[in-house]
Structures are given as structure tokens and as C-alpha cells.
Protein backbone atom coordinates (compact mmCIF):
# COMPACT_ATOMS: atom_id res chain seq x y z
CA MET A 1 133.52 70.91 185.23
CA SER A 2 131.39 68.43 187.14
CA GLU A 3 131.65 64.74 186.34
CA ALA A 4 128.05 64.69 185.05
CA ARG A 5 128.60 67.67 182.76
CA TYR A 6 131.82 66.09 181.50
CA ARG A 7 130.03 62.79 180.72
CA LEU A 8 127.16 64.64 179.03
CA LEU A 9 129.46 66.67 176.80
CA ASN A 10 131.68 63.74 175.90
CA THR A 11 128.71 61.52 175.14
CA ALA A 12 126.99 64.24 173.12
CA THR A 13 130.22 64.98 171.25
CA GLY A 14 130.64 61.38 170.15
CA LEU A 15 127.02 60.96 169.14
CA PHE A 16 126.53 64.37 167.50
CA TYR A 17 129.73 64.10 165.49
CA ALA A 18 129.14 60.52 164.37
CA GLU A 19 125.41 60.67 163.67
CA GLY A 20 124.35 64.32 163.34
CA LEU A 21 122.71 66.88 165.56
CA HIS A 22 119.08 66.32 164.62
CA ALA A 23 119.47 62.53 164.48
CA VAL A 24 120.45 62.23 168.15
CA GLY A 25 117.82 62.93 170.78
CA VAL A 26 118.35 63.97 174.37
CA ASP A 27 116.97 60.63 175.60
CA ARG A 28 119.83 58.84 173.89
CA VAL A 29 122.40 61.24 175.34
CA ILE A 30 120.88 60.78 178.83
CA ASP A 31 120.91 56.99 178.46
CA GLU A 32 124.46 56.72 177.17
CA ALA A 33 125.87 59.31 179.59
CA LYS A 34 124.12 57.46 182.43
CA VAL A 35 122.60 60.58 183.96
CA THR A 36 119.06 61.59 184.82
CA ARG A 37 116.94 63.92 182.73
CA SER A 38 117.05 66.51 185.53
CA THR A 39 120.86 66.36 185.51
CA LEU A 40 120.93 67.03 181.78
CA TYR A 41 118.57 69.99 182.08
CA ARG A 42 120.42 71.35 185.13
CA HIS A 43 123.57 71.63 182.99
CA PHE A 44 121.90 72.30 179.63
CA PRO A 45 118.40 73.85 179.76
CA SER A 46 117.66 72.71 176.18
CA LYS A 47 119.05 70.50 173.44
CA ASP A 48 120.21 73.66 171.69
CA ASP A 49 122.25 74.53 174.79
CA LEU A 50 123.80 71.05 174.71
CA ILE A 51 124.69 71.48 171.03
CA VAL A 52 126.22 74.90 171.73
CA GLY A 53 128.18 73.26 174.57
CA TYR A 54 129.43 70.60 172.15
CA LEU A 55 130.52 73.24 169.63
CA THR A 56 132.08 75.40 172.35
CA GLN A 57 134.12 72.43 173.54
CA ALA A 58 135.26 71.77 169.95
CA ASP A 59 136.14 75.45 169.55
CA GLU A 60 138.17 75.46 172.77
CA ALA A 61 140.08 72.34 171.70
CA ILE A 62 141.02 73.94 168.38
CA ARG A 63 142.02 77.21 170.07
CA THR A 64 144.22 75.29 172.51
CA GLN A 65 145.83 73.37 169.67
CA VAL A 66 146.56 76.54 167.67
CA GLU A 67 147.90 78.38 170.73
CA ALA A 68 150.20 75.43 171.52
CA VAL A 69 151.65 75.67 168.01
CA ARG A 70 152.06 79.44 168.33
CA ALA A 71 153.78 79.04 171.72
CA GLU A 72 156.52 76.90 170.16
CA GLY A 73 158.14 80.08 168.88
CA ALA A 74 158.40 79.01 165.24
CA SER A 75 158.34 81.54 162.41
CA PRO A 76 154.87 82.68 161.31
CA ASP A 77 155.24 80.68 158.08
CA ASP A 78 156.05 77.56 160.08
CA VAL A 79 153.15 78.16 162.48
CA ILE A 80 150.83 78.33 159.47
CA ARG A 81 152.36 75.10 158.16
CA LYS A 82 151.92 73.36 161.52
CA VAL A 83 148.30 74.45 161.81
CA ALA A 84 147.74 73.07 158.30
CA ARG A 85 149.54 69.84 159.18
CA SER A 86 147.30 69.43 162.22
CA ILE A 87 144.22 69.80 160.01
CA ALA A 88 145.63 67.32 157.48
CA ASP A 89 146.34 64.83 160.27
CA ASP A 90 142.80 65.22 161.64
CA ILE A 91 141.35 64.49 158.21
CA GLN A 92 143.14 61.14 158.21
CA THR A 93 141.92 59.97 161.63
CA ALA A 94 139.57 57.03 161.94
CA GLY A 95 135.93 58.08 162.12
CA PHE A 96 136.53 61.45 160.48
CA ARG A 97 133.18 62.89 159.34
CA GLY A 98 134.21 66.36 158.27
CA CYS A 99 134.20 69.62 160.15
CA ALA A 100 131.90 69.67 163.17
CA PHE A 101 131.12 73.33 162.48
CA LEU A 102 130.33 72.88 158.79
CA ASN A 103 128.20 69.85 159.62
CA ALA A 104 126.32 71.87 162.23
CA ALA A 105 125.83 74.76 159.80
CA ALA A 106 124.16 72.38 157.37
CA GLU A 107 121.67 71.39 160.08
CA TYR A 108 121.18 74.89 161.51
CA PRO A 109 121.21 77.36 158.59
CA ASP A 110 119.28 80.15 160.38
CA PRO A 111 121.94 82.81 161.11
CA GLU A 112 119.98 83.97 164.18
CA HIS A 113 119.87 80.52 165.82
CA PRO A 114 122.21 80.07 168.83
CA VAL A 115 123.85 77.02 167.23
CA HIS A 116 124.59 78.98 164.06
CA GLN A 117 125.90 81.86 166.18
CA ALA A 118 128.36 79.47 167.89
CA ILE A 119 129.53 78.34 164.46
CA LEU A 120 130.05 81.92 163.27
CA LYS A 121 131.93 82.81 166.47
CA HIS A 122 134.38 79.96 165.91
CA ARG A 123 134.86 80.72 162.24
CA GLN A 124 135.45 84.42 162.94
CA TRP A 125 138.08 83.56 165.53
CA PHE A 126 139.79 81.14 163.13
CA LEU A 127 139.86 83.71 160.32
CA GLU A 128 141.15 86.44 162.65
CA THR A 129 143.85 84.11 163.97
CA LEU A 130 145.00 83.25 160.46
CA THR A 131 144.95 86.91 159.48
CA GLU A 132 147.22 87.64 162.47
CA LEU A 133 149.56 84.85 161.39
CA PHE A 134 149.70 86.02 157.78
CA THR A 135 150.20 89.61 158.96
CA ALA A 136 153.14 88.42 161.08
CA THR A 137 154.82 87.02 157.97
CA GLY A 138 155.22 90.61 156.78
CA LYS A 139 153.98 89.69 153.34
CA ILE A 140 151.30 91.33 151.24
CA ASP A 141 147.55 90.82 151.55
CA PRO A 142 147.21 88.95 154.88
CA GLU A 143 143.39 89.05 154.90
CA PRO A 144 142.89 87.49 151.45
CA ALA A 145 145.55 84.90 152.31
CA ALA A 146 143.73 83.99 155.52
CA ARG A 147 140.41 83.67 153.66
CA HIS A 148 142.17 81.49 151.07
CA PHE A 149 143.49 79.23 153.83
CA VAL A 150 139.99 78.89 155.33
CA LEU A 151 138.54 78.01 151.92
CA LEU A 152 141.22 75.38 151.35
CA ARG A 153 140.55 73.99 154.82
CA ASP A 154 136.78 73.88 154.28
CA GLY A 155 137.22 72.03 151.00
CA ALA A 156 139.67 69.56 152.49
CA MET A 157 137.39 68.91 155.47
CA ALA A 158 134.42 68.25 153.18
CA ALA A 159 136.32 66.10 150.71
CA GLY A 160 138.28 64.25 153.39
CA CYS A 161 135.21 62.36 154.57
CA LEU A 162 133.96 61.52 151.08
CA THR A 163 136.96 59.73 149.63
CA ASP A 164 140.47 58.57 150.48
CA PRO A 165 141.70 61.23 152.92
CA LYS A 166 145.41 60.79 152.19
CA PRO A 167 145.48 62.51 148.78
CA ILE A 168 143.03 65.13 150.09
CA SER A 169 145.42 65.95 152.94
CA GLU A 170 148.40 66.04 150.58
CA THR A 171 146.55 68.36 148.20
CA PHE A 172 145.53 70.63 151.07
CA LEU A 173 149.12 70.88 152.31
CA ARG A 174 150.37 71.59 148.79
CA GLY A 175 147.78 74.35 148.52
CA ILE A 176 148.96 75.92 151.77
CA GLU A 177 152.58 75.67 150.66
CA GLY A 178 151.63 77.28 147.36
CA LEU A 179 149.86 80.04 149.23
CA LEU A 180 152.93 80.69 151.36
CA THR A 181 155.23 80.58 148.33
CA TYR A 182 153.04 82.88 146.25
CA ARG A 183 152.88 85.31 149.13
CA SER A 184 156.66 85.43 149.31
CA ARG A 185 156.60 88.06 146.59
CA GLN A 186 156.74 91.43 148.29
CA ASP A 187 155.75 93.47 145.23
CA PRO A 188 152.14 92.84 144.21
CA GLU A 189 152.99 94.05 140.70
CA ALA A 190 155.80 91.50 140.27
């Protein structure tokens, strides 16, 4: 990645996450990244392309984080716990404003828009990854368990920026632990 593209993405990431996608104009990104307008448009032909780049970078960071946890060789249950712990830790960081993807979805609700498509791509990957992890546990109903995890995560991400994040994170982790414990029953009739 070129230095200019790197500065543009990092500047856009900070501004978009802190202030919102529609609230930040390209002139501000250009000014704060200290690049020319032609440099911006050479790397990102439109603001939508810049936003998709921002979301793609966020997606890649999350994928890398999850793959690093998976590469540790822990049991599938422990990988799920570590992914949850990472989310809980993120919720408690300074400047946390919720999930970048959920925030973007609120600003770009049209399912055909490229920004919304980037959001859906990330969410599909995350759900598929969790389904794989729950399948690897050998326990019943991996797909509903993965959807349950995503719902718990979405709620924690939304609530974590509205109030004290510590109890939100603790509640989220308890929910994941409860999900893993409930799923320890092999017989769905038991």
C-alpha cells in the first residue's frame, strides 16, 4: 500500500468511526491526510469507494484477529471464548463508538448500495466463521448457536457505547459462556 493510500485510509478510519460517514466530507479527509484531491481520487474514485476501503480495512483487521486466535491451537470452545473476550475488550477501549459495520448500516440502509454490500460481506464471513467454530465443538445446532453469538455481539456493541461498558462486556461474556454451557448437552431432547 502506498504511503498516500495508507494516510488516506487511516485518516478516514479515525474520522468516519468517530464522527460518522455522512458527517465527514472528502475535503476534511484530504486536509487531515495532507494529500491532494487528485491523490484521493486516484486511490478512491468516490467517497463511497473510500468508505468501502475503510470497511474493508476493518474487516481485514477482524479476520486477522480471529485467525490469530484460531492459529493458537486451542479447543473450539476456547477459540469461541477468546473471540468473545476480544470483542469485550474492544468495547471497553477509549473512544469506543459501537460496531463500525452496524454504524455504517444505519447510514447506508439500501441493500444494493456498495457500502451496504461491504457490510453484508463482513457479517456473512463472521457468521460463517462462528458456524465453523461451533461445528468444530461437535455439539448440536451450530448454525443457531452462531446466530445467537452474533446477536449477543450486536447487542453488546450497541449497548457498550451507550453506558458503562464494563458491565456490558461482563454480561456479553456470561451470555457466551451460557451459550457454550447450554450447547454442552448432546441430546436436544434432554
